[in-house]
Amino acid sequence: MIDNPFEMVVLIVLIMAIAGVMRAKYKSHRTADSQIESAETGQLREEVRKLKDRVAVLERIATDKNHLLEQEFERLRDS
């Protein structure tokens, strides 16, 4: 196939250069994807926190005695 050692060295260097370019391109895509995922993760964490707060309020309402619930409704109406 390749009889000349110089041609073999040139071929190896060419292959390594192409592999380096491909690795850099792949790494930049991964970095961009991870930044997008980080932003999305922050938004999801905030949404989960809000949902947990809402569930806590609903649990308090569901387990509260009737007279306390009525007082809370009256307080909310007055505000």
PDB file of N, CA and C in Angstrom:
ATOM      1  N   MET A   1       0.843  -1.178   0.000  1.00  0.00           N
ATOM      2  CA  MET A   1       0.000   0.000   0.000  1.00  0.00           C
ATOM      3  C   MET A   1       0.891   1.245   0.000  1.00  0.00           C
ATOM      4  N   ILE A   2       1.497   1.591   1.128  1.00  0.00           N
ATOM      5  CA  ILE A   2       2.395   2.743   1.187  1.00  0.00           C
ATOM      6  C   ILE A   2       3.807   2.198   1.408  1.00  0.00           C
ATOM      7  N   ASP A   3       4.665   2.394   0.415  1.00  0.00           N
ATOM      8  CA  ASP A   3       6.023   1.855   0.485  1.00  0.00           C
ATOM      9  C   ASP A   3       7.006   2.857   1.073  1.00  0.00           C
ATOM     10  N   ASN A   4       6.713   4.135   0.939  1.00  0.00           N
ATOM     11  CA  ASN A   4       7.635   5.180   1.367  1.00  0.00           C
ATOM     12  C   ASN A   4       7.316   5.586   2.808  1.00  0.00           C
ATOM     13  N   PRO A   5       8.304   5.561   3.740  1.00  0.00           N
ATOM     14  CA  PRO A   5       8.041   5.967   5.127  1.00  0.00           C
ATOM     15  C   PRO A   5       7.604   7.424   5.244  1.00  0.00           C
ATOM     16  N   PHE A   6       8.075   8.291   4.373  1.00  0.00           N
ATOM     17  CA  PHE A   6       7.676   9.695   4.392  1.00  0.00           C
ATOM     18  C   PHE A   6       6.180   9.830   4.131  1.00  0.00           C
ATOM     19  N   GLU A   7       5.665   9.094   3.166  1.00  0.00           N
ATOM     20  CA  GLU A   7       4.229   9.129   2.866  1.00  0.00           C
ATOM     21  C   GLU A   7       3.422   8.641   4.068  1.00  0.00           C
ATOM     22  N   MET A   8       3.958   7.619   4.760  1.00  0.00           N
ATOM     23  CA  MET A   8       3.268   7.088   5.926  1.00  0.00           C
ATOM     24  C   MET A   8       3.200   8.143   7.045  1.00  0.00           C
ATOM     25  N   VAL A   9       4.307   8.870   7.261  1.00  0.00           N
ATOM     26  CA  VAL A   9       4.335   9.907   8.282  1.00  0.00           C
ATOM     27  C   VAL A   9       3.344  11.015   7.927  1.00  0.00           C
ATOM     28  N   VAL A  10       3.331  11.428   6.665  1.00  0.00           N
ATOM     29  CA  VAL A  10       2.401  12.474   6.214  1.00  0.00           C
ATOM     30  C   VAL A  10       0.963  12.012   6.410  1.00  0.00           C
ATOM     31  N   LEU A  11       0.680  10.766   6.081  1.00  0.00           N
ATOM     32  CA  LEU A  11      -0.668  10.222   6.252  1.00  0.00           C
ATOM     33  C   LEU A  11      -1.069  10.204   7.729  1.00  0.00           C
ATOM     34  N   ILE A  12      -0.153   9.786   8.600  1.00  0.00           N
ATOM     35  CA  ILE A  12      -0.445   9.755  10.046  1.00  0.00           C
ATOM     36  C   ILE A  12      -0.696  11.168  10.565  1.00  0.00           C
ATOM     37  N   VAL A  13       0.117  12.134  10.169  1.00  0.00           N
ATOM     38  CA  VAL A  13      -0.072  13.521  10.601  1.00  0.00           C
ATOM     39  C   VAL A  13      -1.405  14.052  10.100  1.00  0.00           C
ATOM     40  N   LEU A  14      -1.750  13.743   8.869  1.00  0.00           N
ATOM     41  CA  LEU A  14      -3.029  14.185   8.295  1.00  0.00           C
ATOM     42  C   LEU A  14      -4.200  13.587   9.080  1.00  0.00           C
ATOM     43  N   ILE A  15      -4.109  12.307   9.401  1.00  0.00           N
ATOM     44  CA  ILE A  15      -5.176  11.649  10.166  1.00  0.00           C
ATOM     45  C   ILE A  15      -5.304  12.286  11.548  1.00  0.00           C
ATOM     46  N   MET A  16      -4.170  12.554  12.188  1.00  0.00           N
ATOM     47  CA  MET A  16      -4.199  13.174  13.512  1.00  0.00           C
ATOM     48  C   MET A  16      -4.789  14.591  13.450  1.00  0.00           C
ATOM     49  N   ALA A  17      -4.471  15.338  12.407  1.00  0.00           N
ATOM     50  CA  ALA A  17      -5.009  16.694  12.263  1.00  0.00           C
ATOM     51  C   ALA A  17      -6.529  16.651  12.092  1.00  0.00           C
ATOM     52  N   ILE A  18      -7.001  15.744  11.260  1.00  0.00           N
ATOM     53  CA  ILE A  18      -8.450  15.613  11.037  1.00  0.00           C
ATOM     54  C   ILE A  18      -9.136  15.192  12.343  1.00  0.00           C
ATOM     55  N   ALA A  19      -8.516  14.254  13.057  1.00  0.00           N
ATOM     56  CA  ALA A  19      -9.100  13.807  14.324  1.00  0.00           C
ATOM     57  C   ALA A  19      -9.139  14.958  15.335  1.00  0.00           C
ATOM     58  N   GLY A  20      -8.112  15.796  15.363  1.00  0.00           N
ATOM     59  CA  GLY A  20      -8.086  16.939  16.272  1.00  0.00           C
ATOM     60  C   GLY A  20      -9.188  17.936  15.973  1.00  0.00           C
ATOM     61  N   VAL A  21      -9.412  18.202  14.695  1.00  0.00           N
ATOM     62  CA  VAL A  21     -10.476  19.125  14.291  1.00  0.00           C
ATOM     63  C   VAL A  21     -11.835  18.556  14.680  1.00  0.00           C
ATOM     64  N   MET A  22     -12.028  17.280  14.425  1.00  0.00           N
ATOM     65  CA  MET A  22     -13.312  16.659  14.764  1.00  0.00           C
ATOM     66  C   MET A  22     -13.537  16.660  16.272  1.00  0.00           C
ATOM     67  N   ARG A  23     -12.483  16.393  17.055  1.00  0.00           N
ATOM     68  CA  ARG A  23     -12.596  16.386  18.509  1.00  0.00           C
ATOM     69  C   ARG A  23     -12.961  17.779  19.022  1.00  0.00           C
ATOM     70  N   ALA A  24     -12.321  18.812  18.472  1.00  0.00           N
ATOM     71  CA  ALA A  24     -12.617  20.183  18.895  1.00  0.00           C
ATOM     72  C   ALA A  24     -14.052  20.566  18.548  1.00  0.00           C
ATOM     73  N   LYS A  25     -14.499  20.158  17.377  1.00  0.00           N
ATOM     74  CA  LYS A  25     -15.873  20.467  16.956  1.00  0.00           C
ATOM     75  C   LYS A  25     -16.883  19.769  17.871  1.00  0.00           C
ATOM     76  N   TYR A  26     -16.622  18.502  18.182  1.00  0.00           N
ATOM     77  CA  TYR A  26     -17.518  17.750  19.061  1.00  0.00           C
ATOM     78  C   TYR A  26     -17.535  18.354  20.464  1.00  0.00           C
ATOM     79  N   LYS A  27     -16.372  18.756  20.955  1.00  0.00           N
ATOM     80  CA  LYS A  27     -16.281  19.327  22.286  1.00  0.00           C
ATOM     81  C   LYS A  27     -17.048  20.647  22.375  1.00  0.00           C
ATOM     82  N   SER A  28     -16.981  21.472  21.332  1.00  0.00           N
ATOM     83  CA  SER A  28     -17.708  22.744  21.351  1.00  0.00           C
ATOM     84  C   SER A  28     -19.214  22.513  21.352  1.00  0.00           C
ATOM     85  N   HIS A  29     -19.661  21.492  20.648  1.00  0.00           N
ATOM     86  CA  HIS A  29     -21.096  21.176  20.665  1.00  0.00           C
ATOM     87  C   HIS A  29     -21.523  20.692  22.040  1.00  0.00           C
ATOM     88  N   ARG A  30     -20.676  19.875  22.674  1.00  0.00           N
ATOM     89  CA  ARG A  30     -21.002  19.391  24.009  1.00  0.00           C
ATOM     90  C   ARG A  30     -21.058  20.523  25.007  1.00  0.00           C
ATOM     91  N   THR A  31     -20.133  21.490  24.896  1.00  0.00           N
ATOM     92  CA  THR A  31     -20.110  22.621  25.811  1.00  0.00           C
ATOM     93  C   THR A  31     -21.375  23.457  25.649  1.00  0.00           C
ATOM     94  N   ALA A  32     -21.768  23.719  24.407  1.00  0.00           N
ATOM     95  CA  ALA A  32     -22.989  24.499  24.158  1.00  0.00           C
ATOM     96  C   ALA A  32     -24.210  23.757  24.693  1.00  0.00           C
ATOM     97  N   ASP A  33     -24.257  22.446  24.467  1.00  0.00           N
ATOM     98  CA  ASP A  33     -25.381  21.652  24.966  1.00  0.00           C
ATOM     99  C   ASP A  33     -25.432  21.669  26.483  1.00  0.00           C
ATOM    100  N   SER A  34     -24.271  21.581  27.137  1.00  0.00           N
ATOM    101  CA  SER A  34     -24.271  21.568  28.592  1.00  0.00           C
ATOM    102  C   SER A  34     -24.692  22.921  29.161  1.00  0.00           C
ATOM    103  N   GLN A  35     -24.363  24.023  28.474  1.00  0.00           N
ATOM    104  CA  GLN A  35     -24.801  25.340  28.937  1.00  0.00           C
ATOM    105  C   GLN A  35     -26.313  25.461  28.820  1.00  0.00           C
ATOM    106  N   ILE A  36     -26.866  24.958  27.733  1.00  0.00           N
ATOM    107  CA  ILE A  36     -28.321  24.980  27.562  1.00  0.00           C
ATOM    108  C   ILE A  36     -28.972  24.128  28.640  1.00  0.00           C
ATOM    109  N   GLU A  37     -28.399  22.938  28.904  1.00  0.00           N
ATOM    110  CA  GLU A  37     -28.952  22.069  29.927  1.00  0.00           C
ATOM    111  C   GLU A  37     -28.848  22.702  31.312  1.00  0.00           C
ATOM    112  N   SER A  38     -27.776  23.449  31.577  1.00  0.00           N
ATOM    113  CA  SER A  38     -27.622  24.109  32.871  1.00  0.00           C
ATOM    114  C   SER A  38     -28.713  25.148  33.073  1.00  0.00           C
ATOM    115  N   ALA A  39     -29.000  25.933  32.047  1.00  0.00           N
ATOM    116  CA  ALA A  39     -30.062  26.937  32.147  1.00  0.00           C
ATOM    117  C   ALA A  39     -31.413  26.256  32.350  1.00  0.00           C
ATOM    118  N   GLU A  40     -31.630  25.193  31.603  1.00  0.00           N
ATOM    119  CA  GLU A  40     -32.900  24.473  31.717  1.00  0.00           C
ATOM    120  C   GLU A  40     -33.016  23.822  33.094  1.00  0.00           C
ATOM    121  N   THR A  41     -31.920  23.307  33.609  1.00  0.00           N
ATOM    122  CA  THR A  41     -31.930  22.697  34.935  1.00  0.00           C
ATOM    123  C   THR A  41     -32.290  23.719  35.996  1.00  0.00           C
ATOM    124  N   GLY A  42     -31.743  24.928  35.884  1.00  0.00           N
ATOM    125  CA  GLY A  42     -32.079  25.984  36.838  1.00  0.00           C
ATOM    126  C   GLY A  42     -33.562  26.327  36.805  1.00  0.00           C
ATOM    127  N   GLN A  43     -34.110  26.409  35.602  1.00  0.00           N
ATOM    128  CA  GLN A  43     -35.536  26.714  35.465  1.00  0.00           C
ATOM    129  C   GLN A  43     -36.377  25.591  36.066  1.00  0.00           C
ATOM    130  N   LEU A  44     -35.981  24.347  35.811  1.00  0.00           N
ATOM    131  CA  LEU A  44     -36.735  23.220  36.353  1.00  0.00           C
ATOM    132  C   LEU A  44     -36.653  23.165  37.876  1.00  0.00           C
ATOM    133  N   ARG A  45     -35.484  23.484  38.430  1.00  0.00           N
ATOM    134  CA  ARG A  45     -35.351  23.506  39.886  1.00  0.00           C
ATOM    135  C   ARG A  45     -36.275  24.574  40.501  1.00  0.00           C
ATOM    136  N   GLU A  46     -36.327  25.734  39.867  1.00  0.00           N
ATOM    137  CA  GLU A  46     -37.197  26.805  40.356  1.00  0.00           C
ATOM    138  C   GLU A  46     -38.662  26.383  40.282  1.00  0.00           C
ATOM    139  N   GLU A  47     -39.042  25.739  39.190  1.00  0.00           N
ATOM    140  CA  GLU A  47     -40.423  25.285  39.042  1.00  0.00           C
ATOM    141  C   GLU A  47     -40.766  24.227  40.094  1.00  0.00           C
ATOM    142  N   VAL A  48     -39.843  23.307  40.354  1.00  0.00           N
ATOM    143  CA  VAL A  48     -40.073  22.278  41.380  1.00  0.00           C
ATOM    144  C   VAL A  48     -40.221  22.932  42.750  1.00  0.00           C
ATOM    145  N   ARG A  49     -39.396  23.947  43.038  1.00  0.00           N
ATOM    146  CA  ARG A  49     -39.496  24.641  44.328  1.00  0.00           C
ATOM    147  C   ARG A  49     -40.867  25.284  44.487  1.00  0.00           C
ATOM    148  N   LYS A  50     -41.339  25.948  43.428  1.00  0.00           N
ATOM    149  CA  LYS A  50     -42.660  26.580  43.488  1.00  0.00           C
ATOM    150  C   LYS A  50     -43.762  25.546  43.673  1.00  0.00           C
ATOM    151  N   LEU A  51     -43.644  24.421  42.967  1.00  0.00           N
ATOM    152  CA  LEU A  51     -44.662  23.377  43.098  1.00  0.00           C
ATOM    153  C   LEU A  51     -44.664  22.778  44.503  1.00  0.00           C
ATOM    154  N   LYS A  52     -43.485  22.623  45.093  1.00  0.00           N
ATOM    155  CA  LYS A  52     -43.419  22.111  46.468  1.00  0.00           C
ATOM    156  C   LYS A  52     -44.085  23.081  47.432  1.00  0.00           C
ATOM    157  N   ASP A  53     -43.883  24.372  47.222  1.00  0.00           N
ATOM    158  CA  ASP A  53     -44.540  25.370  48.071  1.00  0.00           C
ATOM    159  C   ASP A  53     -46.057  25.281  47.944  1.00  0.00           C
ATOM    160  N   ARG A  54     -46.520  25.118  46.715  1.00  0.00           N
ATOM    161  CA  ARG A  54     -47.970  25.027  46.496  1.00  0.00           C
ATOM    162  C   ARG A  54     -48.547  23.769  47.142  1.00  0.00           C
ATOM    163  N   VAL A  55     -47.821  22.653  47.016  1.00  0.00           N
ATOM    164  CA  VAL A  55     -48.282  21.406  47.623  1.00  0.00           C
ATOM    165  C   VAL A  55     -48.332  21.552  49.140  1.00  0.00           C
ATOM    166  N   ALA A  56     -47.345  22.228  49.719  1.00  0.00           N
ATOM    167  CA  ALA A  56     -47.341  22.434  51.173  1.00  0.00           C
ATOM    168  C   ALA A  56     -48.568  23.227  51.604  1.00  0.00           C
ATOM    169  N   VAL A  57     -48.929  24.247  50.838  1.00  0.00           N
ATOM    170  CA  VAL A  57     -50.129  25.040  51.162  1.00  0.00           C
ATOM    171  C   VAL A  57     -51.368  24.169  51.036  1.00  0.00           C
ATOM    172  N   LEU A  58     -51.452  23.383  49.977  1.00  0.00           N
ATOM    173  CA  LEU A  58     -52.623  22.514  49.797  1.00  0.00           C
ATOM    174  C   LEU A  58     -52.702  21.467  50.909  1.00  0.00           C
ATOM    175  N   GLU A  59     -51.571  20.930  51.340  1.00  0.00           N
ATOM    176  CA  GLU A  59     -51.578  19.970  52.445  1.00  0.00           C
ATOM    177  C   GLU A  59     -52.056  20.625  53.728  1.00  0.00           C
ATOM    178  N   ARG A  60     -51.609  21.858  53.945  1.00  0.00           N
ATOM    179  CA  ARG A  60     -52.033  22.562  55.153  1.00  0.00           C
ATOM    180  C   ARG A  60     -53.537  22.804  55.113  1.00  0.00           C
ATOM    181  N   ILE A  61     -54.051  23.181  53.961  1.00  0.00           N
ATOM    182  CA  ILE A  61     -55.490  23.424  53.830  1.00  0.00           C
ATOM    183  C   ILE A  61     -56.270  22.126  54.028  1.00  0.00           C
ATOM    184  N   ALA A  62     -55.782  21.036  53.435  1.00  0.00           N
ATOM    185  CA  ALA A  62     -56.503  19.757  53.519  1.00  0.00           C
ATOM    186  C   ALA A  62     -56.500  19.192  54.927  1.00  0.00           C
ATOM    187  N   THR A  63     -55.456  19.443  55.697  1.00  0.00           N
ATOM    188  CA  THR A  63     -55.375  18.870  57.039  1.00  0.00           C
ATOM    189  C   THR A  63     -55.814  19.832  58.123  1.00  0.00           C
ATOM    190  N   ASP A  64     -56.112  21.076  57.754  1.00  0.00           N
ATOM    191  CA  ASP A  64     -56.529  22.089  58.716  1.00  0.00           C
ATOM    192  C   ASP A  64     -57.948  21.811  59.167  1.00  0.00           C
ATOM    193  N   LYS A  65     -58.255  22.207  60.386  1.00  0.00           N
ATOM    194  CA  LYS A  65     -59.623  22.067  60.873  1.00  0.00           C
ATOM    195  C   LYS A  65     -60.502  23.099  60.169  1.00  0.00           C
ATOM    196  N   ASN A  66     -61.793  22.820  60.117  1.00  0.00           N
ATOM    197  CA  ASN A  66     -62.717  23.681  59.376  1.00  0.00           C
ATOM    198  C   ASN A  66     -62.706  25.116  59.856  1.00  0.00           C
ATOM    199  N   HIS A  67     -62.693  25.346  61.153  1.00  0.00           N
ATOM    200  CA  HIS A  67     -62.770  26.722  61.638  1.00  0.00           C
ATOM    201  C   HIS A  67     -61.503  27.500  61.275  1.00  0.00           C
ATOM    202  N   LEU A  68     -60.349  26.843  61.265  1.00  0.00           N
ATOM    203  CA  LEU A  68     -59.123  27.531  60.860  1.00  0.00           C
ATOM    204  C   LEU A  68     -59.151  27.852  59.369  1.00  0.00           C
ATOM    205  N   LEU A  69     -59.731  26.950  58.605  1.00  0.00           N
ATOM    206  CA  LEU A  69     -59.853  27.181  57.168  1.00  0.00           C
ATOM    207  C   LEU A  69     -60.786  28.359  56.890  1.00  0.00           C
ATOM    208  N   GLU A  70     -61.869  28.429  57.609  1.00  0.00           N
ATOM    209  CA  GLU A  70     -62.793  29.547  57.439  1.00  0.00           C
ATOM    210  C   GLU A  70     -62.137  30.868  57.831  1.00  0.00           C
ATOM    211  N   GLN A  71     -61.368  30.855  58.909  1.00  0.00           N
ATOM    212  CA  GLN A  71     -60.661  32.074  59.312  1.00  0.00           C
ATOM    213  C   GLN A  71     -59.664  32.511  58.233  1.00  0.00           C
ATOM    214  N   GLU A  72     -58.992  31.567  57.625  1.00  0.00           N
ATOM    215  CA  GLU A  72     -58.021  31.896  56.569  1.00  0.00           C
ATOM    216  C   GLU A  72     -58.739  32.508  55.364  1.00  0.00           C
ATOM    217  N   PHE A  73     -59.879  31.936  54.999  1.00  0.00           N
ATOM    218  CA  PHE A  73     -60.648  32.492  53.884  1.00  0.00           C
ATOM    219  C   PHE A  73     -61.081  33.930  54.200  1.00  0.00           C
ATOM    220  N   GLU A  74     -61.550  34.153  55.415  1.00  0.00           N
ATOM    221  CA  GLU A  74     -61.962  35.492  55.809  1.00  0.00           C
ATOM    222  C   GLU A  74     -60.789  36.472  55.767  1.00  0.00           C
ATOM    223  N   ARG A  75     -59.648  36.037  56.228  1.00  0.00           N
ATOM    224  CA  ARG A  75     -58.460  36.897  56.209  1.00  0.00           C
ATOM    225  C   ARG A  75     -58.074  37.243  54.771  1.00  0.00           C
ATOM    226  N   LEU A  76     -58.172  36.254  53.888  1.00  0.00           N
ATOM    227  CA  LEU A  76     -57.828  36.497  52.484  1.00  0.00           C
ATOM    228  C   LEU A  76     -58.836  37.426  51.814  1.00  0.00           C
ATOM    229  N   ARG A  77     -60.103  37.296  52.181  1.00  0.00           N
ATOM    230  CA  ARG A  77     -61.122  38.180  51.610  1.00  0.00           C
ATOM    231  C   ARG A  77     -60.904  39.617  52.057  1.00  0.00           C
ATOM    232  N   ASP A  78     -60.494  39.799  53.304  1.00  0.00           N
ATOM    233  CA  ASP A  78     -60.291  41.126  53.855  1.00  0.00           C
ATOM    234  C   ASP A  78     -59.063  41.831  53.261  1.00  0.00           C
ATOM    235  N   SER A  79     -58.076  41.070  52.782  1.00  0.00           N
ATOM    236  CA  SER A  79     -56.860  41.722  52.286  1.00  0.00           C
ATOM    237  C   SER A  79     -57.001  42.273  50.892  1.00  0.00           C
TER     238      SER A  79
END
